[in-house]
Amino acid sequence: MPTNARAPGLNIVVLAAGFSSRLGQPKALARIHGVSLLRRTVRLIAALRAARIIVVVPPAAARYREQARLRGAAPGAVTLAANPHRGQGLSSSVRCGLAHAWYCSAVLLLPVDLPHLTLNDLGRLVRRWRAAPGRVHAARMGTHGGAPLILPKRLFPRAVRVVGDSGLRGLLAELPVAAREWVDLPSARIDVDTAADLAAARRRWRSDSRASSPGELAKRP
């Protein structure tokens, strides 16, 4: 990944506190090729060298702590933020993450359930943010934007007022065109929401005979 895509002024918030009711197990702990989605996500974003990584988790998070640990990382490189209000929907996890990242210049909000997300796509998003740090930069989802997205600090006060389970979709839609940019991130188009999604992700990874280790799998589109 190009060095100019590194993000020392950015905090990354991984959203991993959902109930995962349609999947039937916590998404963050679901395993593909022996690696949990949470561990894969944290390993992937570590290469961005952001100022902090904050993982929003359920109140009882012992299993999450082990999966979020980065071998060889400095103490405090990954912070777990428990969300006791996760029953209020995705917006509660966004608020929890922003509360722990309030004094940074921007936050990358990243769902934990993107099994094919690549470093190249995340790097593209970060580079666009560096070129225009006052804008929201979000993954293109048809005609609108969605996560992963980078939210500048000036929008934190509006983001923490959002309620419900639709995340920041409404806020993004309200922004003037000049204040936002949708970025093509092909590897972010597929998420794990159901057992069928998880099975499909596992089949895709098994079919790639070139991916022989968790480190190599983290780079796969």
C-alpha atoms as a PDB file:
ATOM      1  CA  MET A   1       0.000   0.000   0.000  1.00  0.00           C
ATOM      2  CA  PRO A   2       1.363   3.465  -0.848  1.00  0.00           C
ATOM      3  CA  THR A   3       2.747   5.316   2.140  1.00  0.00           C
ATOM      4  CA  ASN A   4       0.652   8.377   1.338  1.00  0.00           C
ATOM      5  CA  ALA A   5      -2.419   6.373   2.230  1.00  0.00           C
ATOM      6  CA  ARG A   6      -1.345   6.043   5.848  1.00  0.00           C
ATOM      7  CA  ALA A   7      -3.516   7.943   8.277  1.00  0.00           C
ATOM      8  CA  PRO A   8      -1.697   9.227  11.383  1.00  0.00           C
ATOM      9  CA  GLY A   9      -4.347  11.912  11.999  1.00  0.00           C
ATOM     10  CA  LEU A  10      -7.288   9.516  11.771  1.00  0.00           C
ATOM     11  CA  ASN A  11      -9.076   7.426  14.385  1.00  0.00           C
ATOM     12  CA  ILE A  12     -10.732   4.207  13.222  1.00  0.00           C
ATOM     13  CA  VAL A  13     -13.943   3.018  14.870  1.00  0.00           C
ATOM     14  CA  VAL A  14     -14.892  -0.614  14.237  1.00  0.00           C
ATOM     15  CA  LEU A  15     -18.606  -1.212  14.804  1.00  0.00           C
ATOM     16  CA  ALA A  16     -18.871  -4.673  16.393  1.00  0.00           C
ATOM     17  CA  ALA A  17     -21.601  -4.392  19.055  1.00  0.00           C
ATOM     18  CA  GLY A  18     -24.654  -5.489  17.060  1.00  0.00           C
ATOM     19  CA  PHE A  19     -26.982  -8.297  18.141  1.00  0.00           C
ATOM     20  CA  SER A  20     -26.553 -10.168  14.817  1.00  0.00           C
ATOM     21  CA  SER A  21     -30.050 -11.607  15.223  1.00  0.00           C
ATOM     22  CA  ARG A  22     -30.331 -12.669  11.560  1.00  0.00           C
ATOM     23  CA  LEU A  23     -26.978 -14.460  11.659  1.00  0.00           C
ATOM     24  CA  GLY A  24     -27.661 -16.264  14.942  1.00  0.00           C
ATOM     25  CA  GLN A  25     -24.195 -15.577  16.385  1.00  0.00           C
ATOM     26  CA  PRO A  26     -22.076 -12.470  16.967  1.00  0.00           C
ATOM     27  CA  LYS A  27     -20.786 -11.295  13.582  1.00  0.00           C
ATOM     28  CA  ALA A  28     -17.499 -10.133  15.063  1.00  0.00           C
ATOM     29  CA  LEU A  29     -16.703 -13.646  16.319  1.00  0.00           C
ATOM     30  CA  ALA A  30     -17.845 -15.537  13.208  1.00  0.00           C
ATOM     31  CA  ARG A  31     -14.892 -17.298  11.612  1.00  0.00           C
ATOM     32  CA  ILE A  32     -13.873 -17.601   7.982  1.00  0.00           C
ATOM     33  CA  HIS A  33     -10.869 -19.785   7.207  1.00  0.00           C
ATOM     34  CA  GLY A  34     -10.206 -19.991  10.951  1.00  0.00           C
ATOM     35  CA  VAL A  35     -10.018 -16.225  11.477  1.00  0.00           C
ATOM     36  CA  SER A  36     -12.795 -14.208  13.148  1.00  0.00           C
ATOM     37  CA  LEU A  37     -14.192 -11.205  11.294  1.00  0.00           C
ATOM     38  CA  LEU A  38     -13.038  -8.982  14.152  1.00  0.00           C
ATOM     39  CA  ARG A  39      -9.460 -10.264  14.107  1.00  0.00           C
ATOM     40  CA  ARG A  40      -9.293  -9.967  10.337  1.00  0.00           C
ATOM     41  CA  THR A  41     -10.639  -6.398  10.443  1.00  0.00           C
ATOM     42  CA  VAL A  42      -8.199  -5.248  13.127  1.00  0.00           C
ATOM     43  CA  ARG A  43      -5.235  -6.821  11.314  1.00  0.00           C
ATOM     44  CA  LEU A  44      -6.300  -5.159   8.085  1.00  0.00           C
ATOM     45  CA  ILE A  45      -6.703  -1.634   9.453  1.00  0.00           C
ATOM     46  CA  ALA A  46      -3.490  -1.831  11.486  1.00  0.00           C
ATOM     47  CA  ALA A  47      -1.614  -1.277   8.212  1.00  0.00           C
ATOM     48  CA  LEU A  48      -3.188   2.194   7.920  1.00  0.00           C
ATOM     49  CA  ARG A  49      -1.217   3.293  10.995  1.00  0.00           C
ATOM     50  CA  ALA A  50      -4.058   5.420  12.276  1.00  0.00           C
ATOM     51  CA  ALA A  51      -3.709   7.337  15.534  1.00  0.00           C
ATOM     52  CA  ARG A  52      -6.089   4.975  17.356  1.00  0.00           C
ATOM     53  CA  ILE A  53      -8.261   1.941  16.701  1.00  0.00           C
ATOM     54  CA  ILE A  54     -11.465   1.839  18.744  1.00  0.00           C
ATOM     55  CA  VAL A  55     -13.645  -1.276  18.669  1.00  0.00           C
ATOM     56  CA  VAL A  56     -17.231  -0.805  19.858  1.00  0.00           C
ATOM     57  CA  VAL A  57     -18.345  -4.051  21.513  1.00  0.00           C
ATOM     58  CA  PRO A  58     -21.163  -5.419  23.711  1.00  0.00           C
ATOM     59  CA  PRO A  59     -20.867  -4.910  27.498  1.00  0.00           C
ATOM     60  CA  ALA A  60     -19.669  -8.498  28.062  1.00  0.00           C
ATOM     61  CA  ALA A  61     -16.649  -8.449  25.778  1.00  0.00           C
ATOM     62  CA  ALA A  62     -14.038 -10.912  27.048  1.00  0.00           C
ATOM     63  CA  ARG A  63     -14.039 -12.924  23.809  1.00  0.00           C
ATOM     64  CA  TYR A  64     -13.882  -9.735  21.773  1.00  0.00           C
ATOM     65  CA  ARG A  65     -10.810  -8.544  23.641  1.00  0.00           C
ATOM     66  CA  GLU A  66      -8.796 -11.587  22.605  1.00  0.00           C
ATOM     67  CA  GLN A  67      -9.876 -11.294  18.966  1.00  0.00           C
ATOM     68  CA  ALA A  68      -8.998  -7.579  18.844  1.00  0.00           C
ATOM     69  CA  ARG A  69      -5.476  -8.039  20.217  1.00  0.00           C
ATOM     70  CA  LEU A  70      -2.663  -7.039  17.864  1.00  0.00           C
ATOM     71  CA  ARG A  71       0.521  -9.027  18.385  1.00  0.00           C
ATOM     72  CA  GLY A  72       3.489  -6.734  18.917  1.00  0.00           C
ATOM     73  CA  ALA A  73       1.376  -3.578  19.092  1.00  0.00           C
ATOM     74  CA  ALA A  74       1.975  -0.875  21.674  1.00  0.00           C
ATOM     75  CA  PRO A  75      -0.287  -0.864  24.756  1.00  0.00           C
ATOM     76  CA  GLY A  76      -3.480   1.022  24.005  1.00  0.00           C
ATOM     77  CA  ALA A  77      -3.138   0.673  20.230  1.00  0.00           C
ATOM     78  CA  VAL A  78      -6.577  -0.941  20.216  1.00  0.00           C
ATOM     79  CA  THR A  79      -9.235   0.322  22.626  1.00  0.00           C
ATOM     80  CA  LEU A  80     -12.439  -1.594  23.371  1.00  0.00           C
ATOM     81  CA  ALA A  81     -15.457   0.644  23.987  1.00  0.00           C
ATOM     82  CA  ALA A  82     -18.444  -1.138  25.530  1.00  0.00           C
ATOM     83  CA  ASN A  83     -21.847  -0.008  24.278  1.00  0.00           C
ATOM     84  CA  PRO A  84     -24.479  -0.614  26.984  1.00  0.00           C
ATOM     85  CA  HIS A  85     -27.168   0.961  24.766  1.00  0.00           C
ATOM     86  CA  ARG A  86     -26.779  -1.247  21.717  1.00  0.00           C
ATOM     87  CA  GLY A  87     -30.478  -2.073  21.848  1.00  0.00           C
ATOM     88  CA  GLN A  88     -31.065   1.450  20.515  1.00  0.00           C
ATOM     89  CA  GLY A  89     -29.645   0.472  17.150  1.00  0.00           C
ATOM     90  CA  LEU A  90     -26.557   1.125  15.065  1.00  0.00           C
ATOM     91  CA  SER A  91     -26.605   4.830  15.870  1.00  0.00           C
ATOM     92  CA  SER A  92     -25.820   4.026  19.512  1.00  0.00           C
ATOM     93  CA  SER A  93     -22.567   2.343  18.456  1.00  0.00           C
ATOM     94  CA  VAL A  94     -21.690   5.332  16.294  1.00  0.00           C
ATOM     95  CA  ARG A  95     -22.242   7.616  19.297  1.00  0.00           C
ATOM     96  CA  CYS A  96     -20.167   5.354  21.528  1.00  0.00           C
ATOM     97  CA  GLY A  97     -17.291   5.298  19.055  1.00  0.00           C
ATOM     98  CA  LEU A  98     -17.340   9.051  18.498  1.00  0.00           C
ATOM     99  CA  ALA A  99     -17.324   9.675  22.254  1.00  0.00           C
ATOM    100  CA  HIS A 100     -13.988   7.832  22.434  1.00  0.00           C
ATOM    101  CA  ALA A 101     -12.586   9.636  19.372  1.00  0.00           C
ATOM    102  CA  TRP A 102     -13.974  13.123  19.983  1.00  0.00           C
ATOM    103  CA  TYR A 103     -10.698  15.028  19.842  1.00  0.00           C
ATOM    104  CA  CYS A 104      -9.335  13.646  16.578  1.00  0.00           C
ATOM    105  CA  SER A 105      -9.649  15.385  13.216  1.00  0.00           C
ATOM    106  CA  ALA A 106     -11.704  12.633  11.546  1.00  0.00           C
ATOM    107  CA  VAL A 107     -13.043   9.129  12.131  1.00  0.00           C
ATOM    108  CA  LEU A 108     -13.194   6.155   9.804  1.00  0.00           C
ATOM    109  CA  LEU A 109     -16.376   4.256  10.681  1.00  0.00           C
ATOM    110  CA  LEU A 110     -16.034   0.630   9.673  1.00  0.00           C
ATOM    111  CA  PRO A 111     -18.504  -2.258  10.084  1.00  0.00           C
ATOM    112  CA  VAL A 112     -16.965  -5.508  11.261  1.00  0.00           C
ATOM    113  CA  ASP A 113     -18.938  -7.639   8.782  1.00  0.00           C
ATOM    114  CA  LEU A 114     -17.116  -6.982   5.482  1.00  0.00           C
ATOM    115  CA  PRO A 115     -15.321 -10.295   4.809  1.00  0.00           C
ATOM    116  CA  HIS A 116     -13.758  -9.298   1.487  1.00  0.00           C
ATOM    117  CA  LEU A 117     -12.635  -5.769   2.350  1.00  0.00           C
ATOM    118  CA  THR A 118      -9.140  -5.002   1.048  1.00  0.00           C
ATOM    119  CA  LEU A 119      -6.379  -2.702   2.109  1.00  0.00           C
ATOM    120  CA  ASN A 120      -6.282  -1.234  -1.392  1.00  0.00           C
ATOM    121  CA  ASP A 121      -9.884  -0.046  -1.126  1.00  0.00           C
ATOM    122  CA  LEU A 122      -9.389   1.373   2.357  1.00  0.00           C
ATOM    123  CA  GLY A 123      -6.242   3.103   1.139  1.00  0.00           C
ATOM    124  CA  ARG A 124      -8.204   4.687  -1.702  1.00  0.00           C
ATOM    125  CA  LEU A 125     -10.741   6.044   0.791  1.00  0.00           C
ATOM    126  CA  VAL A 126      -8.007   7.462   3.034  1.00  0.00           C
ATOM    127  CA  ARG A 127      -6.216   9.132   0.135  1.00  0.00           C
ATOM    128  CA  ARG A 128      -9.419  10.857  -0.959  1.00  0.00           C
ATOM    129  CA  TRP A 129      -9.880  12.113   2.602  1.00  0.00           C
ATOM    130  CA  ARG A 130      -6.344  13.435   2.758  1.00  0.00           C
ATOM    131  CA  ALA A 131      -6.941  15.374  -0.469  1.00  0.00           C
ATOM    132  CA  ALA A 132     -10.161  16.977   0.863  1.00  0.00           C
ATOM    133  CA  PRO A 133     -10.294  16.530   4.666  1.00  0.00           C
ATOM    134  CA  GLY A 134     -13.357  18.726   5.143  1.00  0.00           C
ATOM    135  CA  ARG A 135     -15.628  16.389   3.171  1.00  0.00           C
ATOM    136  CA  VAL A 136     -17.335  13.171   4.137  1.00  0.00           C
ATOM    137  CA  HIS A 137     -15.882  10.313   2.110  1.00  0.00           C
ATOM    138  CA  ALA A 138     -18.082   7.221   1.957  1.00  0.00           C
ATOM    139  CA  ALA A 139     -18.339   3.980   0.023  1.00  0.00           C
ATOM    140  CA  ARG A 140     -20.602   4.336  -2.984  1.00  0.00           C
ATOM    141  CA  MET A 141     -23.812   2.334  -2.487  1.00  0.00           C
ATOM    142  CA  GLY A 142     -25.767   2.855  -5.691  1.00  0.00           C
ATOM    143  CA  THR A 143     -26.864   6.486  -5.641  1.00  0.00           C
ATOM    144  CA  HIS A 144     -25.976   7.093  -2.000  1.00  0.00           C
ATOM    145  CA  GLY A 145     -23.058   6.659   0.373  1.00  0.00           C
ATOM    146  CA  GLY A 146     -22.493   4.221   3.213  1.00  0.00           C
ATOM    147  CA  ALA A 147     -19.869   2.632   5.418  1.00  0.00           C
ATOM    148  CA  PRO A 148     -16.935   2.445   5.358  1.00  0.00           C
ATOM    149  CA  LEU A 149     -16.934   6.208   5.629  1.00  0.00           C
ATOM    150  CA  ILE A 150     -14.683   8.957   6.930  1.00  0.00           C
ATOM    151  CA  LEU A 151     -16.449  11.621   8.956  1.00  0.00           C
ATOM    152  CA  PRO A 152     -14.685  14.959   9.612  1.00  0.00           C
ATOM    153  CA  LYS A 153     -14.789  16.384  13.122  1.00  0.00           C
ATOM    154  CA  ARG A 154     -17.097  19.271  12.180  1.00  0.00           C
ATOM    155  CA  LEU A 155     -19.903  16.734  11.686  1.00  0.00           C
ATOM    156  CA  PHE A 156     -19.451  14.883  14.986  1.00  0.00           C
ATOM    157  CA  PRO A 157     -22.109  17.008  16.781  1.00  0.00           C
ATOM    158  CA  ARG A 158     -24.676  16.166  14.087  1.00  0.00           C
ATOM    159  CA  ALA A 159     -23.723  12.492  14.018  1.00  0.00           C
ATOM    160  CA  VAL A 160     -24.262  11.993  17.766  1.00  0.00           C
ATOM    161  CA  ARG A 161     -27.826  13.296  17.417  1.00  0.00           C
ATOM    162  CA  VAL A 162     -28.755  10.539  14.969  1.00  0.00           C
ATOM    163  CA  VAL A 163     -30.995   7.811  16.385  1.00  0.00           C
ATOM    164  CA  GLY A 164     -32.254   4.442  15.197  1.00  0.00           C
ATOM    165  CA  ASP A 165     -30.740   1.582  13.251  1.00  0.00           C
ATOM    166  CA  SER A 166     -29.883   3.203   9.911  1.00  0.00           C
ATOM    167  CA  GLY A 167     -26.508   4.593  10.965  1.00  0.00           C
ATOM    168  CA  LEU A 168     -25.603   7.878   9.288  1.00  0.00           C
ATOM    169  CA  ARG A 169     -27.509   7.273   6.055  1.00  0.00           C
ATOM    170  CA  GLY A 170     -29.913  10.131   6.652  1.00  0.00           C
ATOM    171  CA  LEU A 171     -27.170  12.571   7.613  1.00  0.00           C
ATOM    172  CA  LEU A 172     -25.195  11.735   4.467  1.00  0.00           C
ATOM    173  CA  ALA A 173     -28.256  12.248   2.286  1.00  0.00           C
ATOM    174  CA  GLU A 174     -28.833  15.716   3.774  1.00  0.00           C
ATOM    175  CA  LEU A 175     -25.323  16.978   3.047  1.00  0.00           C
ATOM    176  CA  PRO A 176     -24.810  19.290   0.069  1.00  0.00           C
ATOM    177  CA  VAL A 177     -23.013  17.668  -2.842  1.00  0.00           C
ATOM    178  CA  ALA A 178     -19.925  19.806  -2.254  1.00  0.00           C
ATOM    179  CA  ALA A 179     -19.599  18.411   1.289  1.00  0.00           C
ATOM    180  CA  ARG A 180     -19.521  14.737   0.373  1.00  0.00           C
ATOM    181  CA  GLU A 181     -17.813  12.322  -1.977  1.00  0.00           C
ATOM    182  CA  TRP A 182     -18.781   8.752  -2.792  1.00  0.00           C
ATOM    183  CA  VAL A 183     -15.825   6.450  -3.448  1.00  0.00           C
ATOM    184  CA  ASP A 184     -15.968   3.143  -5.325  1.00  0.00           C
ATOM    185  CA  LEU A 185     -14.929   0.384  -2.906  1.00  0.00           C
ATOM    186  CA  PRO A 186     -15.789  -2.904  -4.658  1.00  0.00           C
ATOM    187  CA  SER A 187     -14.584  -5.064  -1.781  1.00  0.00           C
ATOM    188  CA  ALA A 188     -17.034  -3.376   0.630  1.00  0.00           C
ATOM    189  CA  ARG A 189     -20.152  -4.325  -1.313  1.00  0.00           C
ATOM    190  CA  ILE A 190     -20.696  -7.702   0.359  1.00  0.00           C
ATOM    191  CA  ASP A 191     -21.414  -8.013   4.064  1.00  0.00           C
ATOM    192  CA  VAL A 192     -22.297 -10.898   6.362  1.00  0.00           C
ATOM    193  CA  ASP A 193     -25.861 -10.516   7.573  1.00  0.00           C
ATOM    194  CA  THR A 194     -27.264 -14.053   7.473  1.00  0.00           C
ATOM    195  CA  ALA A 195     -26.055 -17.630   7.796  1.00  0.00           C
ATOM    196  CA  ALA A 196     -26.270 -17.910   4.003  1.00  0.00           C
ATOM    197  CA  ASP A 197     -23.979 -14.869   3.643  1.00  0.00           C
ATOM    198  CA  LEU A 198     -21.447 -16.437   5.999  1.00  0.00           C
ATOM    199  CA  ALA A 199     -21.534 -19.744   4.135  1.00  0.00           C
ATOM    200  CA  ALA A 200     -21.016 -17.934   0.822  1.00  0.00           C
ATOM    201  CA  ALA A 201     -18.045 -16.011   2.216  1.00  0.00           C
ATOM    202  CA  ARG A 202     -16.495 -19.249   3.464  1.00  0.00           C
ATOM    203  CA  ARG A 203     -16.960 -20.906   0.059  1.00  0.00           C
ATOM    204  CA  ARG A 204     -15.340 -17.962  -1.707  1.00  0.00           C
ATOM    205  CA  TRP A 205     -12.295 -18.062   0.544  1.00  0.00           C
ATOM    206  CA  ARG A 206     -11.909 -21.845   0.243  1.00  0.00           C
ATOM    207  CA  SER A 207     -11.995 -21.598  -3.539  1.00  0.00           C
ATOM    208  CA  ASP A 208      -8.916 -19.378  -3.606  1.00  0.00           C
ATOM    209  CA  SER A 209      -6.015 -21.821  -3.535  1.00  0.00           C
ATOM    210  CA  ARG A 210      -3.531 -18.948  -3.507  1.00  0.00           C
ATOM    211  CA  ALA A 211      -4.625 -17.766  -0.035  1.00  0.00           C
ATOM    212  CA  SER A 212      -2.695 -20.025   2.306  1.00  0.00           C
ATOM    213  CA  SER A 213      -2.433 -17.909   5.481  1.00  0.00           C
ATOM    214  CA  PRO A 214      -4.536 -15.388   7.462  1.00  0.00           C
ATOM    215  CA  GLY A 215      -2.102 -12.651   6.457  1.00  0.00           C
ATOM    216  CA  GLU A 216      -2.593 -13.359   2.771  1.00  0.00           C
ATOM    217  CA  LEU A 217      -6.341 -13.719   3.205  1.00  0.00           C
ATOM    218  CA  ALA A 218      -6.543 -10.229   4.680  1.00  0.00           C
ATOM    219  CA  LYS A 219      -5.374  -8.834   1.327  1.00  0.00           C
ATOM    220  CA  ARG A 220      -7.883 -10.708  -0.797  1.00  0.00           C
ATOM    221  CA  PRO A 221     -10.574  -8.640  -2.593  1.00  0.00           C
END
